[in-house]
Amino acid sequence: MKFTKIFFVVFALMAALATVSASPFNLGQELRNFGKELEGVGQRVRDSIISARPAVDTVLEAQKALRGGQ
């Protein structure tokens, strides 16, 4: 319930600020840059998870071997 209210307020503020044309700085460009940075972070996290998979598989195999192959 609280999350919904917070989400609505943040969305309303972003919508209001995005529609203002007499802004002293270019908010639209800054939001695009932020979006690109956020996308880059997401891609790096995804790539890290993909590259960690073989190590996780090795650990799981070692645990199985220590437990007697169960």
PDB file of N, CA and C in Angstrom:
ATOM      1  N   MET A   1       0.830  -1.186   0.000  1.00  0.00           N
ATOM      2  CA  MET A   1       0.000   0.000   0.000  1.00  0.00           C
ATOM      3  C   MET A   1       0.877   1.253   0.000  1.00  0.00           C
ATOM      4  N   LYS A   2       1.858   1.282   0.924  1.00  0.00           N
ATOM      5  CA  LYS A   2       2.746   2.441   0.983  1.00  0.00           C
ATOM      6  C   LYS A   2       3.596   2.541  -0.276  1.00  0.00           C
ATOM      7  N   PHE A   3       4.048   1.362  -0.762  1.00  0.00           N
ATOM      8  CA  PHE A   3       4.861   1.367  -1.965  1.00  0.00           C
ATOM      9  C   PHE A   3       4.081   1.941  -3.139  1.00  0.00           C
ATOM     10  N   THR A   4       2.819   1.607  -3.229  1.00  0.00           N
ATOM     11  CA  THR A   4       1.982   2.104  -4.319  1.00  0.00           C
ATOM     12  C   THR A   4       1.859   3.615  -4.260  1.00  0.00           C
ATOM     13  N   LYS A   5       1.676   4.142  -3.066  1.00  0.00           N
ATOM     14  CA  LYS A   5       1.571   5.596  -2.908  1.00  0.00           C
ATOM     15  C   LYS A   5       2.884   6.283  -3.280  1.00  0.00           C
ATOM     16  N   ILE A   6       3.992   5.713  -2.813  1.00  0.00           N
ATOM     17  CA  ILE A   6       5.305   6.293  -3.116  1.00  0.00           C
ATOM     18  C   ILE A   6       5.564   6.233  -4.618  1.00  0.00           C
ATOM     19  N   PHE A   7       5.253   5.098  -5.225  1.00  0.00           N
ATOM     20  CA  PHE A   7       5.449   4.940  -6.664  1.00  0.00           C
ATOM     21  C   PHE A   7       4.615   5.958  -7.433  1.00  0.00           C
ATOM     22  N   PHE A   8       3.375   6.151  -7.021  1.00  0.00           N
ATOM     23  CA  PHE A   8       2.506   7.108  -7.688  1.00  0.00           C
ATOM     24  C   PHE A   8       3.041   8.529  -7.564  1.00  0.00           C
ATOM     25  N   VAL A   9       3.518   8.902  -6.384  1.00  0.00           N
ATOM     26  CA  VAL A   9       4.049  10.255  -6.177  1.00  0.00           C
ATOM     27  C   VAL A   9       5.293  10.469  -7.030  1.00  0.00           C
ATOM     28  N   VAL A  10       6.187   9.499  -7.042  1.00  0.00           N
ATOM     29  CA  VAL A  10       7.413   9.630  -7.842  1.00  0.00           C
ATOM     30  C   VAL A  10       7.064   9.716  -9.327  1.00  0.00           C
ATOM     31  N   PHE A  11       6.138   8.884  -9.776  1.00  0.00           N
ATOM     32  CA  PHE A  11       5.727   8.914 -11.176  1.00  0.00           C
ATOM     33  C   PHE A  11       5.084  10.253 -11.524  1.00  0.00           C
ATOM     34  N   ALA A  12       4.248  10.768 -10.636  1.00  0.00           N
ATOM     35  CA  ALA A  12       3.596  12.053 -10.886  1.00  0.00           C
ATOM     36  C   ALA A  12       4.628  13.181 -10.947  1.00  0.00           C
ATOM     37  N   LEU A  13       5.615  13.162 -10.067  1.00  0.00           N
ATOM     38  CA  LEU A  13       6.660  14.191 -10.089  1.00  0.00           C
ATOM     39  C   LEU A  13       7.484  14.107 -11.372  1.00  0.00           C
ATOM     40  N   MET A  14       7.825  12.890 -11.786  1.00  0.00           N
ATOM     41  CA  MET A  14       8.606  12.755 -13.020  1.00  0.00           C
ATOM     42  C   MET A  14       7.800  13.221 -14.224  1.00  0.00           C
ATOM     43  N   ALA A  15       6.511  12.902 -14.247  1.00  0.00           N
ATOM     44  CA  ALA A  15       5.668  13.333 -15.357  1.00  0.00           C
ATOM     45  C   ALA A  15       5.544  14.850 -15.376  1.00  0.00           C
ATOM     46  N   ALA A  16       5.391  15.454 -14.196  1.00  0.00           N
ATOM     47  CA  ALA A  16       5.260  16.906 -14.123  1.00  0.00           C
ATOM     48  C   ALA A  16       6.558  17.590 -14.560  1.00  0.00           C
ATOM     49  N   LEU A  17       7.684  17.066 -14.124  1.00  0.00           N
ATOM     50  CA  LEU A  17       8.957  17.683 -14.470  1.00  0.00           C
ATOM     51  C   LEU A  17       9.304  17.461 -15.948  1.00  0.00           C
ATOM     52  N   ALA A  18       8.876  16.359 -16.501  1.00  0.00           N
ATOM     53  CA  ALA A  18       9.187  16.070 -17.905  1.00  0.00           C
ATOM     54  C   ALA A  18       8.385  16.957 -18.854  1.00  0.00           C
ATOM     55  N   THR A  19       7.249  17.458 -18.406  1.00  0.00           N
ATOM     56  CA  THR A  19       6.416  18.271 -19.278  1.00  0.00           C
ATOM     57  C   THR A  19       6.723  19.758 -19.173  1.00  0.00           C
ATOM     58  N   VAL A  20       7.543  20.154 -18.220  1.00  0.00           N
ATOM     59  CA  VAL A  20       7.872  21.570 -18.057  1.00  0.00           C
ATOM     60  C   VAL A  20       8.853  21.968 -19.159  1.00  0.00           C
ATOM     61  N   SER A  21       8.537  23.023 -19.888  1.00  0.00           N
ATOM     62  CA  SER A  21       9.405  23.419 -20.989  1.00  0.00           C
ATOM     63  C   SER A  21      10.333  24.577 -20.613  1.00  0.00           C
ATOM     64  N   ALA A  22      10.015  25.330 -19.573  1.00  0.00           N
ATOM     65  CA  ALA A  22      10.830  26.479 -19.182  1.00  0.00           C
ATOM     66  C   ALA A  22      11.812  26.092 -18.081  1.00  0.00           C
ATOM     67  N   SER A  23      12.382  24.927 -18.206  1.00  0.00           N
ATOM     68  CA  SER A  23      13.306  24.428 -17.210  1.00  0.00           C
ATOM     69  C   SER A  23      14.677  25.079 -17.392  1.00  0.00           C
ATOM     70  N   PRO A  24      15.383  25.414 -16.295  1.00  0.00           N
ATOM     71  CA  PRO A  24      16.716  26.009 -16.426  1.00  0.00           C
ATOM     72  C   PRO A  24      17.765  25.025 -16.927  1.00  0.00           C
ATOM     73  N   PHE A  25      17.479  23.757 -16.871  1.00  0.00           N
ATOM     74  CA  PHE A  25      18.387  22.749 -17.405  1.00  0.00           C
ATOM     75  C   PHE A  25      17.563  21.733 -18.177  1.00  0.00           C
ATOM     76  N   ASN A  26      18.214  20.939 -18.971  1.00  0.00           N
ATOM     77  CA  ASN A  26      17.516  20.001 -19.846  1.00  0.00           C
ATOM     78  C   ASN A  26      17.256  18.695 -19.091  1.00  0.00           C
ATOM     79  N   LEU A  27      16.115  18.620 -18.429  1.00  0.00           N
ATOM     80  CA  LEU A  27      15.779  17.448 -17.621  1.00  0.00           C
ATOM     81  C   LEU A  27      15.587  16.214 -18.486  1.00  0.00           C
ATOM     82  N   GLY A  28      15.009  16.374 -19.652  1.00  0.00           N
ATOM     83  CA  GLY A  28      14.791  15.234 -20.534  1.00  0.00           C
ATOM     84  C   GLY A  28      16.087  14.552 -20.912  1.00  0.00           C
ATOM     85  N   GLN A  29      17.096  15.332 -21.241  1.00  0.00           N
ATOM     86  CA  GLN A  29      18.400  14.767 -21.600  1.00  0.00           C
ATOM     87  C   GLN A  29      19.032  14.076 -20.393  1.00  0.00           C
ATOM     88  N   GLU A  30      18.889  14.688 -19.210  1.00  0.00           N
ATOM     89  CA  GLU A  30      19.455  14.073 -18.011  1.00  0.00           C
ATOM     90  C   GLU A  30      18.762  12.765 -17.694  1.00  0.00           C
ATOM     91  N   LEU A  31      17.449  12.700 -17.895  1.00  0.00           N
ATOM     92  CA  LEU A  31      16.727  11.449 -17.659  1.00  0.00           C
ATOM     93  C   LEU A  31      17.149  10.388 -18.668  1.00  0.00           C
ATOM     94  N   ARG A  32      17.390  10.785 -19.911  1.00  0.00           N
ATOM     95  CA  ARG A  32      17.866   9.819 -20.909  1.00  0.00           C
ATOM     96  C   ARG A  32      19.246   9.297 -20.526  1.00  0.00           C
ATOM     97  N   ASN A  33      20.109  10.205 -20.078  1.00  0.00           N
ATOM     98  CA  ASN A  33      21.448   9.774 -19.662  1.00  0.00           C
ATOM     99  C   ASN A  33      21.356   8.830 -18.476  1.00  0.00           C
ATOM    100  N   PHE A  34      20.469   9.149 -17.517  1.00  0.00           N
ATOM    101  CA  PHE A  34      20.291   8.280 -16.359  1.00  0.00           C
ATOM    102  C   PHE A  34      19.771   6.916 -16.800  1.00  0.00           C
ATOM    103  N   GLY A  35      18.844   6.915 -17.751  1.00  0.00           N
ATOM    104  CA  GLY A  35      18.312   5.657 -18.261  1.00  0.00           C
ATOM    105  C   GLY A  35      19.392   4.815 -18.921  1.00  0.00           C
ATOM    106  N   LYS A  36      20.277   5.465 -19.671  1.00  0.00           N
ATOM    107  CA  LYS A  36      21.373   4.737 -20.317  1.00  0.00           C
ATOM    108  C   LYS A  36      22.336   4.172 -19.267  1.00  0.00           C
ATOM    109  N   GLU A  37      22.617   4.955 -18.226  1.00  0.00           N
ATOM    110  CA  GLU A  37      23.494   4.466 -17.167  1.00  0.00           C
ATOM    111  C   GLU A  37      22.855   3.289 -16.443  1.00  0.00           C
ATOM    112  N   LEU A  38      21.564   3.386 -16.177  1.00  0.00           N
ATOM    113  CA  LEU A  38      20.854   2.308 -15.505  1.00  0.00           C
ATOM    114  C   LEU A  38      20.835   1.055 -16.368  1.00  0.00           C
ATOM    115  N   GLU A  39      20.655   1.227 -17.659  1.00  0.00           N
ATOM    116  CA  GLU A  39      20.681   0.090 -18.570  1.00  0.00           C
ATOM    117  C   GLU A  39      22.061  -0.558 -18.572  1.00  0.00           C
ATOM    118  N   GLY A  40      23.108   0.261 -18.536  1.00  0.00           N
ATOM    119  CA  GLY A  40      24.467  -0.271 -18.497  1.00  0.00           C
ATOM    120  C   GLY A  40      24.725  -1.070 -17.230  1.00  0.00           C
ATOM    121  N   VAL A  41      24.215  -0.572 -16.114  1.00  0.00           N
ATOM    122  CA  VAL A  41      24.371  -1.303 -14.852  1.00  0.00           C
ATOM    123  C   VAL A  41      23.664  -2.649 -14.946  1.00  0.00           C
ATOM    124  N   GLY A  42      22.459  -2.644 -15.490  1.00  0.00           N
ATOM    125  CA  GLY A  42      21.717  -3.887 -15.638  1.00  0.00           C
ATOM    126  C   GLY A  42      22.443  -4.887 -16.525  1.00  0.00           C
ATOM    127  N   GLN A  43      23.041  -4.406 -17.605  1.00  0.00           N
ATOM    128  CA  GLN A  43      23.779  -5.299 -18.497  1.00  0.00           C
ATOM    129  C   GLN A  43      25.008  -5.871 -17.810  1.00  0.00           C
ATOM    130  N   ARG A  44      25.693  -5.052 -17.014  1.00  0.00           N
ATOM    131  CA  ARG A  44      26.871  -5.545 -16.299  1.00  0.00           C
ATOM    132  C   ARG A  44      26.483  -6.594 -15.259  1.00  0.00           C
ATOM    133  N   VAL A  45      25.363  -6.384 -14.570  1.00  0.00           N
ATOM    134  CA  VAL A  45      24.893  -7.370 -13.596  1.00  0.00           C
ATOM    135  C   VAL A  45      24.551  -8.674 -14.304  1.00  0.00           C
ATOM    136  N   ARG A  46      23.835  -8.571 -15.435  1.00  0.00           N
ATOM    137  CA  ARG A  46      23.479  -9.766 -16.196  1.00  0.00           C
ATOM    138  C   ARG A  46      24.729 -10.509 -16.656  1.00  0.00           C
ATOM    139  N   ASP A  47      25.710  -9.796 -17.187  1.00  0.00           N
ATOM    140  CA  ASP A  47      26.938 -10.424 -17.654  1.00  0.00           C
ATOM    141  C   ASP A  47      27.704 -11.079 -16.507  1.00  0.00           C
ATOM    142  N   SER A  48      27.683 -10.447 -15.332  1.00  0.00           N
ATOM    143  CA  SER A  48      28.355 -11.021 -14.164  1.00  0.00           C
ATOM    144  C   SER A  48      27.686 -12.318 -13.739  1.00  0.00           C
ATOM    145  N   ILE A  49      26.366 -12.343 -13.763  1.00  0.00           N
ATOM    146  CA  ILE A  49      25.649 -13.566 -13.389  1.00  0.00           C
ATOM    147  C   ILE A  49      25.950 -14.674 -14.380  1.00  0.00           C
ATOM    148  N   ILE A  50      25.971 -14.336 -15.667  1.00  0.00           N
ATOM    149  CA  ILE A  50      26.261 -15.345 -16.687  1.00  0.00           C
ATOM    150  C   ILE A  50      27.679 -15.883 -16.527  1.00  0.00           C
ATOM    151  N   SER A  51      28.646 -15.006 -16.244  1.00  0.00           N
ATOM    152  CA  SER A  51      30.026 -15.463 -16.118  1.00  0.00           C
ATOM    153  C   SER A  51      30.264 -16.211 -14.811  1.00  0.00           C
ATOM    154  N   ALA A  52      29.417 -16.009 -13.793  1.00  0.00           N
ATOM    155  CA  ALA A  52      29.588 -16.711 -12.521  1.00  0.00           C
ATOM    156  C   ALA A  52      28.977 -18.105 -12.546  1.00  0.00           C
ATOM    157  N   ARG A  53      28.195 -18.413 -13.532  1.00  0.00           N
ATOM    158  CA  ARG A  53      27.502 -19.707 -13.580  1.00  0.00           C
ATOM    159  C   ARG A  53      28.447 -20.907 -13.519  1.00  0.00           C
ATOM    160  N   PRO A  54      29.543 -20.937 -14.278  1.00  0.00           N
ATOM    161  CA  PRO A  54      30.436 -22.100 -14.181  1.00  0.00           C
ATOM    162  C   PRO A  54      31.014 -22.290 -12.776  1.00  0.00           C
ATOM    163  N   ALA A  55      31.315 -21.199 -12.100  1.00  0.00           N
ATOM    164  CA  ALA A  55      31.857 -21.306 -10.743  1.00  0.00           C
ATOM    165  C   ALA A  55      30.805 -21.866  -9.787  1.00  0.00           C
ATOM    166  N   VAL A  56      29.575 -21.428  -9.943  1.00  0.00           N
ATOM    167  CA  VAL A  56      28.494 -21.932  -9.091  1.00  0.00           C
ATOM    168  C   VAL A  56      28.270 -23.414  -9.359  1.00  0.00           C
ATOM    169  N   ASP A  57      28.307 -23.810 -10.619  1.00  0.00           N
ATOM    170  CA  ASP A  57      28.140 -25.227 -10.961  1.00  0.00           C
ATOM    171  C   ASP A  57      29.253 -26.075 -10.337  1.00  0.00           C
ATOM    172  N   THR A  58      30.476 -25.560 -10.335  1.00  0.00           N
ATOM    173  CA  THR A  58      31.607 -26.280  -9.749  1.00  0.00           C
ATOM    174  C   THR A  58      31.410 -26.449  -8.250  1.00  0.00           C
ATOM    175  N   VAL A  59      30.954 -25.408  -7.593  1.00  0.00           N
ATOM    176  CA  VAL A  59      30.712 -25.487  -6.148  1.00  0.00           C
ATOM    177  C   VAL A  59      29.607 -26.503  -5.853  1.00  0.00           C
ATOM    178  N   LEU A  60      28.552 -26.498  -6.648  1.00  0.00           N
ATOM    179  CA  LEU A  60      27.470 -27.450  -6.434  1.00  0.00           C
ATOM    180  C   LEU A  60      27.940 -28.890  -6.640  1.00  0.00           C
ATOM    181  N   GLU A  61      28.774 -29.108  -7.642  1.00  0.00           N
ATOM    182  CA  GLU A  61      29.316 -30.444  -7.870  1.00  0.00           C
ATOM    183  C   GLU A  61      30.205 -30.877  -6.715  1.00  0.00           C
ATOM    184  N   ALA A  62      30.995 -29.969  -6.175  1.00  0.00           N
ATOM    185  CA  ALA A  62      31.852 -30.287  -5.031  1.00  0.00           C
ATOM    186  C   ALA A  62      31.011 -30.631  -3.806  1.00  0.00           C
ATOM    187  N   GLN A  63      29.917 -29.917  -3.594  1.00  0.00           N
ATOM    188  CA  GLN A  63      29.037 -30.228  -2.472  1.00  0.00           C
ATOM    189  C   GLN A  63      28.423 -31.613  -2.631  1.00  0.00           C
ATOM    190  N   LYS A  64      28.011 -31.936  -3.849  1.00  0.00           N
ATOM    191  CA  LYS A  64      27.443 -33.264  -4.099  1.00  0.00           C
ATOM    192  C   LYS A  64      28.475 -34.355  -3.835  1.00  0.00           C
ATOM    193  N   ALA A  65      29.726 -34.115  -4.252  1.00  0.00           N
ATOM    194  CA  ALA A  65      30.776 -35.101  -4.052  1.00  0.00           C
ATOM    195  C   ALA A  65      31.064 -35.288  -2.570  1.00  0.00           C
ATOM    196  N   LEU A  66      31.050 -34.205  -1.798  1.00  0.00           N
ATOM    197  CA  LEU A  66      31.309 -34.315  -0.367  1.00  0.00           C
ATOM    198  C   LEU A  66      30.166 -35.013   0.371  1.00  0.00           C
ATOM    199  N   ARG A  67      28.977 -34.914  -0.136  1.00  0.00           N
ATOM    200  CA  ARG A  67      27.817 -35.560   0.497  1.00  0.00           C
ATOM    201  C   ARG A  67      27.649 -37.005   0.048  1.00  0.00           C
ATOM    202  N   GLY A  68      28.503 -37.460  -0.789  1.00  0.00           N
ATOM    203  CA  GLY A  68      28.452 -38.847  -1.212  1.00  0.00           C
ATOM    204  C   GLY A  68      27.675 -39.093  -2.471  1.00  0.00           C
ATOM    205  N   GLY A  69      27.556 -38.085  -3.294  1.00  0.00           N
ATOM    206  CA  GLY A  69      26.911 -38.244  -4.579  1.00  0.00           C
ATOM    207  C   GLY A  69      25.397 -38.234  -4.541  1.00  0.00           C
ATOM    208  N   GLN A  70      24.829 -37.652  -3.514  1.00  0.00           N
ATOM    209  CA  GLN A  70      23.359 -37.619  -3.406  1.00  0.00           C
ATOM    210  C   GLN A  70      22.763 -36.667  -4.367  1.00  0.00           C
TER     211      GLN A  70
END
